[in-house]
Amino acid sequence: MTVKQFIRKVARDNGLYVYQVEQCLYAIFDGINEVLESGDDINFIRFGHFLTADMEGHKCVLKGEEIMTKPYTKIIFRPSAKLKSSVNNKQVEDKENEE
């Protein structure tokens, strides 16, 4: 599903205009980005936890040459138990329907 398809679905399912959902979605993305840039993490109950981890540089071999990678900040998403359960139950139901 593309972002545009998702926005249309949310708008249709909730009786909203597409532009309203689009503005809200991008405002949420911008907000998450700001929180992560500041070094904080953010937890959405029943959805998941966004956090960052500072990764150290390390040695790696590229084309026979040893190089040192730069340190960087990794973005991590940990889905909530409810989200995992919901997705896994759906997959189990789909497999049962196939048989």
Protein backbone atom coordinates (compact mmCIF):
# COMPACT_ATOMS: atom_id res chain seq x y z
CA MET A 1 0.00 0.00 0.00
CA THR A 2 1.35 3.43 -0.90
CA VAL A 3 1.13 6.46 1.37
CA LYS A 4 -1.53 8.00 -0.89
CA GLN A 5 -3.62 4.81 -0.74
CA PHE A 6 -3.25 4.72 3.04
CA ILE A 7 -4.29 8.37 3.37
CA ARG A 8 -7.36 7.78 1.19
CA LYS A 9 -8.32 4.70 3.21
CA VAL A 10 -8.04 6.52 6.55
CA ALA A 11 -10.01 9.49 5.17
CA ARG A 12 -12.75 7.24 3.77
CA ASP A 13 -12.97 5.06 6.91
CA ASN A 14 -13.24 8.08 9.22
CA GLY A 15 -15.33 10.52 7.18
CA LEU A 16 -12.48 13.00 6.76
CA TYR A 17 -11.09 14.89 3.81
CA VAL A 18 -7.91 13.53 2.23
CA TYR A 19 -6.06 16.81 2.82
CA GLN A 20 -6.90 16.66 6.56
CA VAL A 21 -5.49 13.16 6.95
CA GLU A 22 -2.43 14.05 4.86
CA GLN A 23 -1.67 17.14 6.99
CA CYS A 24 -2.13 15.16 10.19
CA LEU A 25 0.01 12.23 9.04
CA TYR A 26 2.91 14.43 7.97
CA ALA A 27 2.64 16.45 11.19
CA ILE A 28 2.95 13.19 13.14
CA PHE A 29 5.97 12.12 11.06
CA ASP A 30 7.60 15.52 11.63
CA GLY A 31 6.91 15.26 15.36
CA ILE A 32 8.44 11.78 15.60
CA ASN A 33 11.47 13.02 13.68
CA GLU A 34 11.93 15.98 16.05
CA VAL A 35 11.68 13.76 19.13
CA LEU A 36 14.21 11.26 17.77
CA GLU A 37 16.59 14.03 16.63
CA SER A 38 16.57 15.42 20.17
CA GLY A 39 17.72 12.02 21.48
CA ASP A 40 14.45 11.19 23.22
CA ASP A 41 12.35 8.15 22.51
CA ILE A 42 8.61 7.96 22.03
CA ASN A 43 6.16 5.24 23.02
CA PHE A 44 2.74 4.87 21.42
CA ILE A 45 0.62 2.62 23.62
CA ARG A 46 -0.87 -0.30 21.59
CA PHE A 47 1.41 0.52 18.63
CA GLY A 48 5.11 0.57 19.46
CA HIS A 49 8.21 2.28 20.75
CA PHE A 50 10.58 4.42 18.65
CA LEU A 51 14.05 4.93 20.07
CA THR A 52 17.61 5.63 18.99
CA ALA A 53 20.90 3.92 19.75
CA ASP A 54 24.36 5.37 19.18
CA MET A 55 26.43 2.89 17.19
CA GLU A 56 30.21 2.98 17.37
CA GLY A 57 32.40 2.88 14.31
CA HIS A 58 33.89 -0.51 13.53
CA LYS A 59 36.37 -2.15 11.21
CA CYS A 60 35.13 -3.87 8.09
CA VAL A 61 36.78 -5.32 5.03
CA LEU A 62 35.70 -3.91 1.69
CA LYS A 63 37.29 -5.32 -1.48
CA GLY A 64 40.20 -6.66 0.53
CA GLU A 65 40.83 -3.30 2.18
CA GLU A 66 40.20 -2.74 5.89
CA ILE A 67 38.27 0.44 6.56
CA MET A 68 36.77 2.05 9.66
CA THR A 69 33.08 2.96 9.53
CA LYS A 70 31.81 6.20 11.03
CA PRO A 71 29.74 6.21 14.24
CA TYR A 72 26.04 6.78 13.59
CA THR A 73 22.67 6.87 15.29
CA LYS A 74 20.41 3.91 14.59
CA ILE A 75 16.62 4.26 14.69
CA ILE A 76 14.86 1.32 16.33
CA PHE A 77 11.16 0.45 16.29
CA ARG A 78 9.83 -2.12 18.74
CA PRO A 79 6.23 -3.08 18.02
CA SER A 80 3.89 -3.42 20.99
CA ALA A 81 2.64 -6.82 22.10
CA LYS A 82 -0.85 -5.83 20.92
CA LEU A 83 0.39 -4.95 17.42
CA LYS A 84 2.43 -8.17 17.18
CA SER A 85 -0.52 -10.22 18.35
CA SER A 86 -2.91 -8.52 15.94
CA VAL A 87 -0.62 -9.08 12.94
CA ASN A 88 0.19 -12.67 13.93
CA ASN A 89 -3.45 -13.58 14.54
CA LYS A 90 -4.32 -12.18 11.11
CA GLN A 91 -1.57 -14.29 9.51
CA VAL A 92 -2.82 -17.41 11.32
CA GLU A 93 -6.39 -16.73 10.12
CA ASP A 94 -5.18 -16.21 6.54
CA LYS A 95 -3.27 -19.51 6.58
CA GLU A 96 -6.29 -21.36 7.98
CA ASN A 97 -8.49 -19.91 5.22
CA GLU A 98 -6.03 -21.11 2.56
CA GLU A 99 -6.24 -24.73 3.77
